[in-house]
Amino acid sequence: MAYNVAIAQRVLEQLMEGHSLRQIAEDPAMPKPSAVCNWASGRDPGAVADDFPDRYLNARRVQADVRFDELIDTARSAPPDQVSVNKARLLIDTMKWSLSKQYREKYGDHSQVEHSTPPGSPFAVTSDTAAVVGALSPDALAAIKAAVWSSVQDVGSDEDVSERGIRRPRKNRQG
């Protein structure tokens, strides 16, 4: 189907109401999902001129918020019988997964790793570290690596640490 401003607006409105592209396409007057995807990808000059790709992204964000509300409503309205609870749980888990993949920045799992070392620590990484390490010869790097691993293994524990950081019990060493 060729791009049509009025039909495109109806598609966007239905997306913002929470309908999927497949549900929208059930109406014979509406375009197939593939046509809407072509419009959204910017392959149709008319869609680009009408700013459809940006409006489509916004409609999908609104759709995600609507589906999030549906998720909460589903959880609250599940009847207490076990079959209905299991069905609601499956629906909720599916919706959560879909939202986490579709809009990771808002609904996805987030993890943040922070690492810091005290000022003056011999293991502190500065902006100059990469330049210094890059300037070392392979022999110098090998010597530093050997020194670090020998100091790690000589800490007096009952474990040896491999180069991959795997700890294993130290063998009895009798002199």
C-alpha atoms as a PDB file:
ATOM      1  CA  MET A   1       0.000   0.000   0.000  1.00  0.00           C
ATOM      2  CA  ALA A   2       1.317   3.436  -0.897  1.00  0.00           C
ATOM      3  CA  TYR A   3       1.857   5.900   1.907  1.00  0.00           C
ATOM      4  CA  ASN A   4      -1.279   7.817   2.836  1.00  0.00           C
ATOM      5  CA  VAL A   5      -1.203  10.572   5.473  1.00  0.00           C
ATOM      6  CA  ALA A   6      -4.696   9.829   6.881  1.00  0.00           C
ATOM      7  CA  ILE A   7      -4.115   6.067   7.071  1.00  0.00           C
ATOM      8  CA  ALA A   8      -0.685   6.588   8.615  1.00  0.00           C
ATOM      9  CA  GLN A   9      -2.283   8.760  11.311  1.00  0.00           C
ATOM     10  CA  ARG A  10      -4.845   6.019  12.055  1.00  0.00           C
ATOM     11  CA  VAL A  11      -2.042   3.452  12.334  1.00  0.00           C
ATOM     12  CA  LEU A  12      -0.178   5.656  14.808  1.00  0.00           C
ATOM     13  CA  GLU A  13      -3.325   6.273  16.874  1.00  0.00           C
ATOM     14  CA  GLN A  14      -4.079   2.551  17.082  1.00  0.00           C
ATOM     15  CA  LEU A  15      -0.480   1.781  18.063  1.00  0.00           C
ATOM     16  CA  MET A  16      -0.756   4.351  20.865  1.00  0.00           C
ATOM     17  CA  GLU A  17      -3.936   2.606  22.037  1.00  0.00           C
ATOM     18  CA  GLY A  18      -1.892  -0.577  22.480  1.00  0.00           C
ATOM     19  CA  HIS A  19      -2.832  -2.468  19.308  1.00  0.00           C
ATOM     20  CA  SER A  20      -0.192  -4.504  17.465  1.00  0.00           C
ATOM     21  CA  LEU A  21       0.534  -4.062  13.762  1.00  0.00           C
ATOM     22  CA  ARG A  22      -1.044  -7.473  13.138  1.00  0.00           C
ATOM     23  CA  GLN A  23      -4.234  -6.413  14.904  1.00  0.00           C
ATOM     24  CA  ILE A  24      -4.328  -3.174  12.903  1.00  0.00           C
ATOM     25  CA  ALA A  25      -3.841  -5.095   9.626  1.00  0.00           C
ATOM     26  CA  GLU A  26      -6.958  -7.198  10.318  1.00  0.00           C
ATOM     27  CA  ASP A  27      -8.955  -4.214   9.048  1.00  0.00           C
ATOM     28  CA  PRO A  28      -8.952  -4.531   5.219  1.00  0.00           C
ATOM     29  CA  ALA A  29      -8.693  -0.747   4.870  1.00  0.00           C
ATOM     30  CA  MET A  30      -5.405  -0.720   6.790  1.00  0.00           C
ATOM     31  CA  PRO A  31      -1.927  -1.540   5.466  1.00  0.00           C
ATOM     32  CA  LYS A  32      -0.049  -4.763   6.068  1.00  0.00           C
ATOM     33  CA  PRO A  33       2.611  -4.714   8.814  1.00  0.00           C
ATOM     34  CA  SER A  34       5.334  -4.899   6.148  1.00  0.00           C
ATOM     35  CA  ALA A  35       4.076  -1.664   4.555  1.00  0.00           C
ATOM     36  CA  VAL A  36       4.108   0.117   7.912  1.00  0.00           C
ATOM     37  CA  CYS A  37       7.633  -1.173   8.556  1.00  0.00           C
ATOM     38  CA  ASN A  38       8.710   0.216   5.166  1.00  0.00           C
ATOM     39  CA  TRP A  39       7.229   3.588   6.073  1.00  0.00           C
ATOM     40  CA  ALA A  40       8.925   3.514   9.501  1.00  0.00           C
ATOM     41  CA  SER A  41      12.306   2.574   8.047  1.00  0.00           C
ATOM     42  CA  GLY A  42      12.305   5.605   5.759  1.00  0.00           C
ATOM     43  CA  ARG A  43      12.117   3.622   2.507  1.00  0.00           C
ATOM     44  CA  ASP A  44       9.041   5.538   1.348  1.00  0.00           C
ATOM     45  CA  PRO A  45       9.734   9.181   0.412  1.00  0.00           C
ATOM     46  CA  GLY A  46       6.184  10.202   1.319  1.00  0.00           C
ATOM     47  CA  ALA A  47       6.564   8.769   4.802  1.00  0.00           C
ATOM     48  CA  VAL A  48       9.872  10.555   5.282  1.00  0.00           C
ATOM     49  CA  ALA A  49       8.394  13.855   4.119  1.00  0.00           C
ATOM     50  CA  ASP A  50       5.543  13.406   6.626  1.00  0.00           C
ATOM     51  CA  ASP A  51       8.070  12.646   9.413  1.00  0.00           C
ATOM     52  CA  PHE A  52       6.475   9.210   9.848  1.00  0.00           C
ATOM     53  CA  PRO A  53       9.626   7.414  11.107  1.00  0.00           C
ATOM     54  CA  ASP A  54       9.964   9.742  14.128  1.00  0.00           C
ATOM     55  CA  ARG A  55       6.230   9.735  14.797  1.00  0.00           C
ATOM     56  CA  TYR A  56       6.243   5.925  14.589  1.00  0.00           C
ATOM     57  CA  LEU A  57       9.000   5.676  17.214  1.00  0.00           C
ATOM     58  CA  ASN A  58       7.045   7.987  19.483  1.00  0.00           C
ATOM     59  CA  ALA A  59       3.867   5.922  18.972  1.00  0.00           C
ATOM     60  CA  ARG A  60       5.786   2.758  19.896  1.00  0.00           C
ATOM     61  CA  ARG A  61       7.033   4.414  23.107  1.00  0.00           C
ATOM     62  CA  VAL A  62       3.475   5.379  24.020  1.00  0.00           C
ATOM     63  CA  GLN A  63       2.374   1.841  23.135  1.00  0.00           C
ATOM     64  CA  ALA A  64       4.964   0.445  25.557  1.00  0.00           C
ATOM     65  CA  ASP A  65       3.578   2.631  28.347  1.00  0.00           C
ATOM     66  CA  VAL A  66       0.041   1.500  27.532  1.00  0.00           C
ATOM     67  CA  ARG A  67       1.141  -2.140  27.602  1.00  0.00           C
ATOM     68  CA  PHE A  68       2.878  -1.546  30.917  1.00  0.00           C
ATOM     69  CA  ASP A  69      -0.438  -0.271  32.297  1.00  0.00           C
ATOM     70  CA  GLU A  70      -2.146  -3.387  30.881  1.00  0.00           C
ATOM     71  CA  LEU A  71       0.420  -5.509  32.673  1.00  0.00           C
ATOM     72  CA  ILE A  72      -0.474  -3.891  36.022  1.00  0.00           C
ATOM     73  CA  ASP A  73      -4.213  -4.214  35.294  1.00  0.00           C
ATOM     74  CA  THR A  74      -3.793  -7.898  34.424  1.00  0.00           C
ATOM     75  CA  ALA A  75      -1.960  -8.569  37.667  1.00  0.00           C
ATOM     76  CA  ARG A  76      -4.598  -6.767  39.727  1.00  0.00           C
ATOM     77  CA  SER A  77      -7.608  -8.354  38.037  1.00  0.00           C
ATOM     78  CA  ALA A  78      -6.501 -12.011  38.036  1.00  0.00           C
ATOM     79  CA  PRO A  79      -9.135 -14.184  39.736  1.00  0.00           C
ATOM     80  CA  PRO A  80      -7.858 -16.206  42.691  1.00  0.00           C
ATOM     81  CA  ASP A  81      -8.275 -19.663  41.077  1.00  0.00           C
ATOM     82  CA  GLN A  82      -5.023 -21.398  40.139  1.00  0.00           C
ATOM     83  CA  VAL A  83      -5.670 -21.692  36.386  1.00  0.00           C
ATOM     84  CA  SER A  84      -6.412 -17.982  36.053  1.00  0.00           C
ATOM     85  CA  VAL A  85      -3.414 -17.065  38.192  1.00  0.00           C
ATOM     86  CA  ASN A  86      -1.103 -19.197  36.027  1.00  0.00           C
ATOM     87  CA  LYS A  87      -2.559 -17.696  32.839  1.00  0.00           C
ATOM     88  CA  ALA A  88      -2.127 -14.172  34.217  1.00  0.00           C
ATOM     89  CA  ARG A  89       1.448 -14.984  35.312  1.00  0.00           C
ATOM     90  CA  LEU A  90       2.306 -16.232  31.806  1.00  0.00           C
ATOM     91  CA  LEU A  91       0.761 -13.147  30.222  1.00  0.00           C
ATOM     92  CA  ILE A  92       2.574 -10.809  32.618  1.00  0.00           C
ATOM     93  CA  ASP A  93       5.928 -12.542  32.128  1.00  0.00           C
ATOM     94  CA  THR A  94       5.515 -12.380  28.347  1.00  0.00           C
ATOM     95  CA  MET A  95       4.607  -8.703  28.460  1.00  0.00           C
ATOM     96  CA  LYS A  96       7.521  -7.915  30.794  1.00  0.00           C
ATOM     97  CA  TRP A  97       9.948  -9.726  28.515  1.00  0.00           C
ATOM     98  CA  SER A  98       8.579  -7.968  25.439  1.00  0.00           C
ATOM     99  CA  LEU A  99       8.812  -4.540  27.072  1.00  0.00           C
ATOM    100  CA  SER A 100      12.338  -5.215  28.323  1.00  0.00           C
ATOM    101  CA  LYS A 101      13.485  -6.034  24.779  1.00  0.00           C
ATOM    102  CA  GLN A 102      11.502  -3.327  23.001  1.00  0.00           C
ATOM    103  CA  TYR A 103      12.498  -0.475  25.334  1.00  0.00           C
ATOM    104  CA  ARG A 104      15.532  -1.650  27.245  1.00  0.00           C
ATOM    105  CA  GLU A 105      16.416   1.843  28.510  1.00  0.00           C
ATOM    106  CA  LYS A 106      13.075   2.189  30.309  1.00  0.00           C
ATOM    107  CA  TYR A 107      11.833  -1.332  31.029  1.00  0.00           C
ATOM    108  CA  GLY A 108      14.945  -3.509  30.706  1.00  0.00           C
ATOM    109  CA  ASP A 109      17.207  -4.835  33.411  1.00  0.00           C
ATOM    110  CA  HIS A 110      19.937  -2.394  34.294  1.00  0.00           C
ATOM    111  CA  SER A 111      23.259  -3.142  35.857  1.00  0.00           C
ATOM    112  CA  GLN A 112      26.020  -0.741  36.576  1.00  0.00           C
ATOM    113  CA  VAL A 113      29.507  -1.683  37.594  1.00  0.00           C
ATOM    114  CA  GLU A 114      31.696   0.817  39.354  1.00  0.00           C
ATOM    115  CA  HIS A 115      35.303   0.326  40.203  1.00  0.00           C
ATOM    116  CA  SER A 116      37.540   2.653  42.073  1.00  0.00           C
ATOM    117  CA  THR A 117      40.949   2.516  43.651  1.00  0.00           C
ATOM    118  CA  PRO A 118      42.285   4.701  46.404  1.00  0.00           C
ATOM    119  CA  PRO A 119      44.397   7.653  45.280  1.00  0.00           C
ATOM    120  CA  GLY A 120      48.013   6.670  44.891  1.00  0.00           C
ATOM    121  CA  SER A 121      47.219   2.971  44.595  1.00  0.00           C
ATOM    122  CA  PRO A 122      49.690   1.074  42.414  1.00  0.00           C
ATOM    123  CA  PHE A 123      46.714  -0.382  40.545  1.00  0.00           C
ATOM    124  CA  ALA A 124      45.050   2.967  39.793  1.00  0.00           C
ATOM    125  CA  VAL A 125      44.227   3.405  36.124  1.00  0.00           C
ATOM    126  CA  THR A 126      44.728   6.867  34.692  1.00  0.00           C
ATOM    127  CA  SER A 127      44.229   8.313  31.251  1.00  0.00           C
ATOM    128  CA  ASP A 128      47.947   7.808  30.621  1.00  0.00           C
ATOM    129  CA  THR A 129      47.862   4.070  31.434  1.00  0.00           C
ATOM    130  CA  ALA A 130      46.992   2.948  27.908  1.00  0.00           C
ATOM    131  CA  ALA A 131      49.773   5.056  26.414  1.00  0.00           C
ATOM    132  CA  VAL A 132      52.329   3.689  28.883  1.00  0.00           C
ATOM    133  CA  VAL A 133      51.265   0.049  28.412  1.00  0.00           C
ATOM    134  CA  GLY A 134      51.178   0.500  24.641  1.00  0.00           C
ATOM    135  CA  ALA A 135      54.763   1.744  24.675  1.00  0.00           C
ATOM    136  CA  LEU A 136      56.093  -1.320  26.531  1.00  0.00           C
ATOM    137  CA  SER A 137      57.886  -4.040  24.646  1.00  0.00           C
ATOM    138  CA  PRO A 138      56.472  -7.590  24.669  1.00  0.00           C
ATOM    139  CA  ASP A 139      59.360  -8.675  26.917  1.00  0.00           C
ATOM    140  CA  ALA A 140      58.603  -5.896  29.409  1.00  0.00           C
ATOM    141  CA  LEU A 141      54.910  -6.847  29.471  1.00  0.00           C
ATOM    142  CA  ALA A 142      55.799 -10.504  30.050  1.00  0.00           C
ATOM    143  CA  ALA A 143      58.126  -9.536  32.918  1.00  0.00           C
ATOM    144  CA  ILE A 144      55.401  -7.399  34.563  1.00  0.00           C
ATOM    145  CA  LYS A 145      52.867 -10.202  34.156  1.00  0.00           C
ATOM    146  CA  ALA A 146      55.219 -12.747  35.725  1.00  0.00           C
ATOM    147  CA  ALA A 147      55.976 -10.408  38.645  1.00  0.00           C
ATOM    148  CA  VAL A 148      52.287  -9.769  39.314  1.00  0.00           C
ATOM    149  CA  TRP A 149      51.377 -13.462  39.258  1.00  0.00           C
ATOM    150  CA  SER A 150      54.291 -14.449  41.488  1.00  0.00           C
ATOM    151  CA  SER A 151      53.292 -11.793  44.026  1.00  0.00           C
ATOM    152  CA  VAL A 152      49.674 -12.957  43.944  1.00  0.00           C
ATOM    153  CA  GLN A 153      50.683 -16.545  44.596  1.00  0.00           C
ATOM    154  CA  ASP A 154      53.060 -15.568  47.395  1.00  0.00           C
ATOM    155  CA  VAL A 155      50.425 -13.845  49.514  1.00  0.00           C
ATOM    156  CA  GLY A 156      50.549 -16.687  51.992  1.00  0.00           C
ATOM    157  CA  SER A 157      47.122 -18.185  51.375  1.00  0.00           C
ATOM    158  CA  ASP A 158      46.361 -21.865  51.063  1.00  0.00           C
ATOM    159  CA  GLU A 159      45.319 -21.348  47.450  1.00  0.00           C
ATOM    160  CA  ASP A 160      47.087 -20.870  44.132  1.00  0.00           C
ATOM    161  CA  VAL A 161      45.641 -18.417  41.633  1.00  0.00           C
ATOM    162  CA  SER A 162      45.961 -19.165  37.938  1.00  0.00           C
ATOM    163  CA  GLU A 163      46.404 -16.481  35.296  1.00  0.00           C
ATOM    164  CA  ARG A 164      42.656 -16.642  34.664  1.00  0.00           C
ATOM    165  CA  GLY A 165      41.922 -15.878  38.312  1.00  0.00           C
ATOM    166  CA  ILE A 166      40.840 -19.440  39.139  1.00  0.00           C
ATOM    167  CA  ARG A 167      41.637 -20.352  42.714  1.00  0.00           C
ATOM    168  CA  ARG A 168      42.648 -23.892  43.526  1.00  0.00           C
ATOM    169  CA  PRO A 169      44.002 -25.426  46.746  1.00  0.00           C
ATOM    170  CA  ARG A 170      47.747 -25.142  47.074  1.00  0.00           C
ATOM    171  CA  LYS A 171      49.574 -28.457  46.991  1.00  0.00           C
ATOM    172  CA  ASN A 172      51.530 -29.474  50.026  1.00  0.00           C
ATOM    173  CA  ARG A 173      55.014 -28.222  49.438  1.00  0.00           C
ATOM    174  CA  GLN A 174      57.573 -29.925  51.542  1.00  0.00           C
ATOM    175  CA  GLY A 175      61.046 -28.613  51.323  1.00  0.00           C
END
